[in-house]
Amino acid sequence: MDKLDWGIVTPEGTRLERNEFIYVYNHDLSSAEKLNRTLRFILGRLRYYDTQLPPNPKHLVKIDLRGQSVPKNTTDLLKMELNNQYPGNLTISFIVD
């Protein structure tokens, strides 16, 4: 795999005293293909962030689902896969309204 280079890391928010970085993703999760693409994208970004941020960052990922009707089993699957595939400090939440 080629080395990823997405430029500088631009979190939506930071809490530097706690080494926390907040990211918001607004992706279409209406199909298994789109869910898989979102999973790959977020994992790639997290791994890239880890090369750019201070050691042992705490990632707070918020996935914006407003305007979508996403079943709970889909959000549960996305959360489980992110936690299984990313070994770092990760908190995932969903914005629904």
C-alpha atoms as a PDB file:
ATOM      1  CA  MET A   1       0.000   0.000   0.000  1.00  0.00           C
ATOM      2  CA  ASP A   2       1.238   3.487  -0.810  1.00  0.00           C
ATOM      3  CA  LYS A   3       2.096   5.791   2.056  1.00  0.00           C
ATOM      4  CA  LEU A   4      -0.820   8.048   2.883  1.00  0.00           C
ATOM      5  CA  ASP A   5      -0.244  11.794   2.788  1.00  0.00           C
ATOM      6  CA  TRP A   6      -3.355  13.821   3.455  1.00  0.00           C
ATOM      7  CA  GLY A   7      -1.504  16.962   4.476  1.00  0.00           C
ATOM      8  CA  ILE A   8      -1.922  18.562   7.856  1.00  0.00           C
ATOM      9  CA  VAL A   9      -4.393  17.114  10.326  1.00  0.00           C
ATOM     10  CA  THR A  10      -7.403  19.392  10.814  1.00  0.00           C
ATOM     11  CA  PRO A  11      -9.631  18.170  13.646  1.00  0.00           C
ATOM     12  CA  GLU A  12     -12.914  19.975  14.254  1.00  0.00           C
ATOM     13  CA  GLY A  13     -11.823  20.496  17.842  1.00  0.00           C
ATOM     14  CA  THR A  14      -8.997  19.786  20.256  1.00  0.00           C
ATOM     15  CA  ARG A  15      -8.490  19.521  23.980  1.00  0.00           C
ATOM     16  CA  LEU A  16      -4.711  19.720  24.051  1.00  0.00           C
ATOM     17  CA  GLU A  17      -4.484  19.448  27.836  1.00  0.00           C
ATOM     18  CA  ARG A  18      -6.183  16.034  27.537  1.00  0.00           C
ATOM     19  CA  ASN A  19      -4.520  15.082  24.211  1.00  0.00           C
ATOM     20  CA  GLU A  20      -8.011  14.746  22.666  1.00  0.00           C
ATOM     21  CA  PHE A  21      -8.880  15.407  19.049  1.00  0.00           C
ATOM     22  CA  ILE A  22     -12.450  15.604  17.717  1.00  0.00           C
ATOM     23  CA  TYR A  23     -13.472  14.689  14.161  1.00  0.00           C
ATOM     24  CA  VAL A  24     -16.893  14.812  12.524  1.00  0.00           C
ATOM     25  CA  TYR A  25     -17.732  12.679   9.496  1.00  0.00           C
ATOM     26  CA  ASN A  26     -20.901  13.070   7.454  1.00  0.00           C
ATOM     27  CA  HIS A  27     -21.077  10.061   5.153  1.00  0.00           C
ATOM     28  CA  ASP A  28     -23.926   8.312   3.375  1.00  0.00           C
ATOM     29  CA  LEU A  29     -24.451   4.955   5.104  1.00  0.00           C
ATOM     30  CA  SER A  30     -27.375   3.786   2.972  1.00  0.00           C
ATOM     31  CA  SER A  31     -25.724   0.609   1.657  1.00  0.00           C
ATOM     32  CA  ALA A  32     -23.185  -2.016   2.692  1.00  0.00           C
ATOM     33  CA  GLU A  33     -20.769  -0.658   0.069  1.00  0.00           C
ATOM     34  CA  LYS A  34     -21.020   2.884   1.457  1.00  0.00           C
ATOM     35  CA  LEU A  35     -20.657   1.625   5.019  1.00  0.00           C
ATOM     36  CA  ASN A  36     -17.502  -0.265   4.055  1.00  0.00           C
ATOM     37  CA  ARG A  37     -16.093   2.795   2.282  1.00  0.00           C
ATOM     38  CA  THR A  38     -16.746   4.911   5.381  1.00  0.00           C
ATOM     39  CA  LEU A  39     -15.055   2.315   7.571  1.00  0.00           C
ATOM     40  CA  ARG A  40     -11.959   2.239   5.345  1.00  0.00           C
ATOM     41  CA  PHE A  41     -11.858   6.041   5.148  1.00  0.00           C
ATOM     42  CA  ILE A  42     -12.089   6.601   8.912  1.00  0.00           C
ATOM     43  CA  LEU A  43      -9.505   3.882   9.654  1.00  0.00           C
ATOM     44  CA  GLY A  44      -7.131   5.388   7.110  1.00  0.00           C
ATOM     45  CA  ARG A  45      -7.558   8.837   8.585  1.00  0.00           C
ATOM     46  CA  LEU A  46      -7.024   7.627  12.166  1.00  0.00           C
ATOM     47  CA  ARG A  47      -3.830   5.840  11.192  1.00  0.00           C
ATOM     48  CA  TYR A  48      -2.616   8.940   9.378  1.00  0.00           C
ATOM     49  CA  TYR A  49      -3.531  11.190  12.322  1.00  0.00           C
ATOM     50  CA  ASP A  50      -1.369   9.019  14.560  1.00  0.00           C
ATOM     51  CA  THR A  51       1.684   9.909  12.442  1.00  0.00           C
ATOM     52  CA  GLN A  52       0.973  13.637  12.770  1.00  0.00           C
ATOM     53  CA  LEU A  53      -0.285  14.170  16.324  1.00  0.00           C
ATOM     54  CA  PRO A  54       1.416  13.942  19.717  1.00  0.00           C
ATOM     55  CA  PRO A  55       1.940  10.379  20.979  1.00  0.00           C
ATOM     56  CA  ASN A  56      -1.085   8.408  22.232  1.00  0.00           C
ATOM     57  CA  PRO A  57      -3.837  10.756  21.023  1.00  0.00           C
ATOM     58  CA  LYS A  58      -7.419  10.224  22.125  1.00  0.00           C
ATOM     59  CA  HIS A  59      -9.650  10.288  19.045  1.00  0.00           C
ATOM     60  CA  LEU A  60     -13.265  11.366  19.499  1.00  0.00           C
ATOM     61  CA  VAL A  61     -15.066  10.427  16.286  1.00  0.00           C
ATOM     62  CA  LYS A  62     -18.560  11.781  15.707  1.00  0.00           C
ATOM     63  CA  ILE A  63     -20.519  10.432  12.761  1.00  0.00           C
ATOM     64  CA  ASP A  64     -23.276  12.786  11.619  1.00  0.00           C
ATOM     65  CA  LEU A  65     -26.358  10.797  10.594  1.00  0.00           C
ATOM     66  CA  ARG A  66     -28.785  13.717  10.405  1.00  0.00           C
ATOM     67  CA  GLY A  67     -31.072  13.412   7.396  1.00  0.00           C
ATOM     68  CA  GLN A  68     -30.492   9.663   7.126  1.00  0.00           C
ATOM     69  CA  SER A  69     -32.467   6.715   8.384  1.00  0.00           C
ATOM     70  CA  VAL A  70     -29.704   4.382   9.558  1.00  0.00           C
ATOM     71  CA  PRO A  71     -30.703   1.211  11.423  1.00  0.00           C
ATOM     72  CA  LYS A  72     -29.147   0.588  14.829  1.00  0.00           C
ATOM     73  CA  ASN A  73     -27.549  -2.646  13.609  1.00  0.00           C
ATOM     74  CA  THR A  74     -25.656  -0.576  10.999  1.00  0.00           C
ATOM     75  CA  THR A  75     -24.319   1.885  13.576  1.00  0.00           C
ATOM     76  CA  ASP A  76     -23.487  -0.989  15.932  1.00  0.00           C
ATOM     77  CA  LEU A  77     -21.564  -2.736  13.144  1.00  0.00           C
ATOM     78  CA  LEU A  78     -19.637   0.413  12.215  1.00  0.00           C
ATOM     79  CA  LYS A  79     -18.733   1.081  15.844  1.00  0.00           C
ATOM     80  CA  MET A  80     -17.680  -2.538  16.420  1.00  0.00           C
ATOM     81  CA  GLU A  81     -15.531  -2.669  13.287  1.00  0.00           C
ATOM     82  CA  LEU A  82     -13.808   0.641  14.056  1.00  0.00           C
ATOM     83  CA  ASN A  83     -13.010  -0.512  17.592  1.00  0.00           C
ATOM     84  CA  ASN A  84     -11.817  -3.925  16.373  1.00  0.00           C
ATOM     85  CA  GLN A  85      -9.614  -2.591  13.598  1.00  0.00           C
ATOM     86  CA  TYR A  86      -8.155   0.482  15.315  1.00  0.00           C
ATOM     87  CA  PRO A  87      -5.972  -0.320  18.332  1.00  0.00           C
ATOM     88  CA  GLY A  88      -5.712   3.230  19.651  1.00  0.00           C
ATOM     89  CA  ASN A  89      -7.765   5.260  22.093  1.00  0.00           C
ATOM     90  CA  LEU A  90     -11.049   5.760  20.245  1.00  0.00           C
ATOM     91  CA  THR A  91     -14.504   6.996  21.230  1.00  0.00           C
ATOM     92  CA  ILE A  92     -17.283   6.862  18.641  1.00  0.00           C
ATOM     93  CA  SER A  93     -20.631   8.618  18.840  1.00  0.00           C
ATOM     94  CA  PHE A  94     -23.424   9.370  16.405  1.00  0.00           C
ATOM     95  CA  ILE A  95     -25.180  12.687  15.797  1.00  0.00           C
ATOM     96  CA  VAL A  96     -28.806  11.947  15.032  1.00  0.00           C
ATOM     97  CA  ASP A  97     -30.656  15.257  15.534  1.00  0.00           C
END
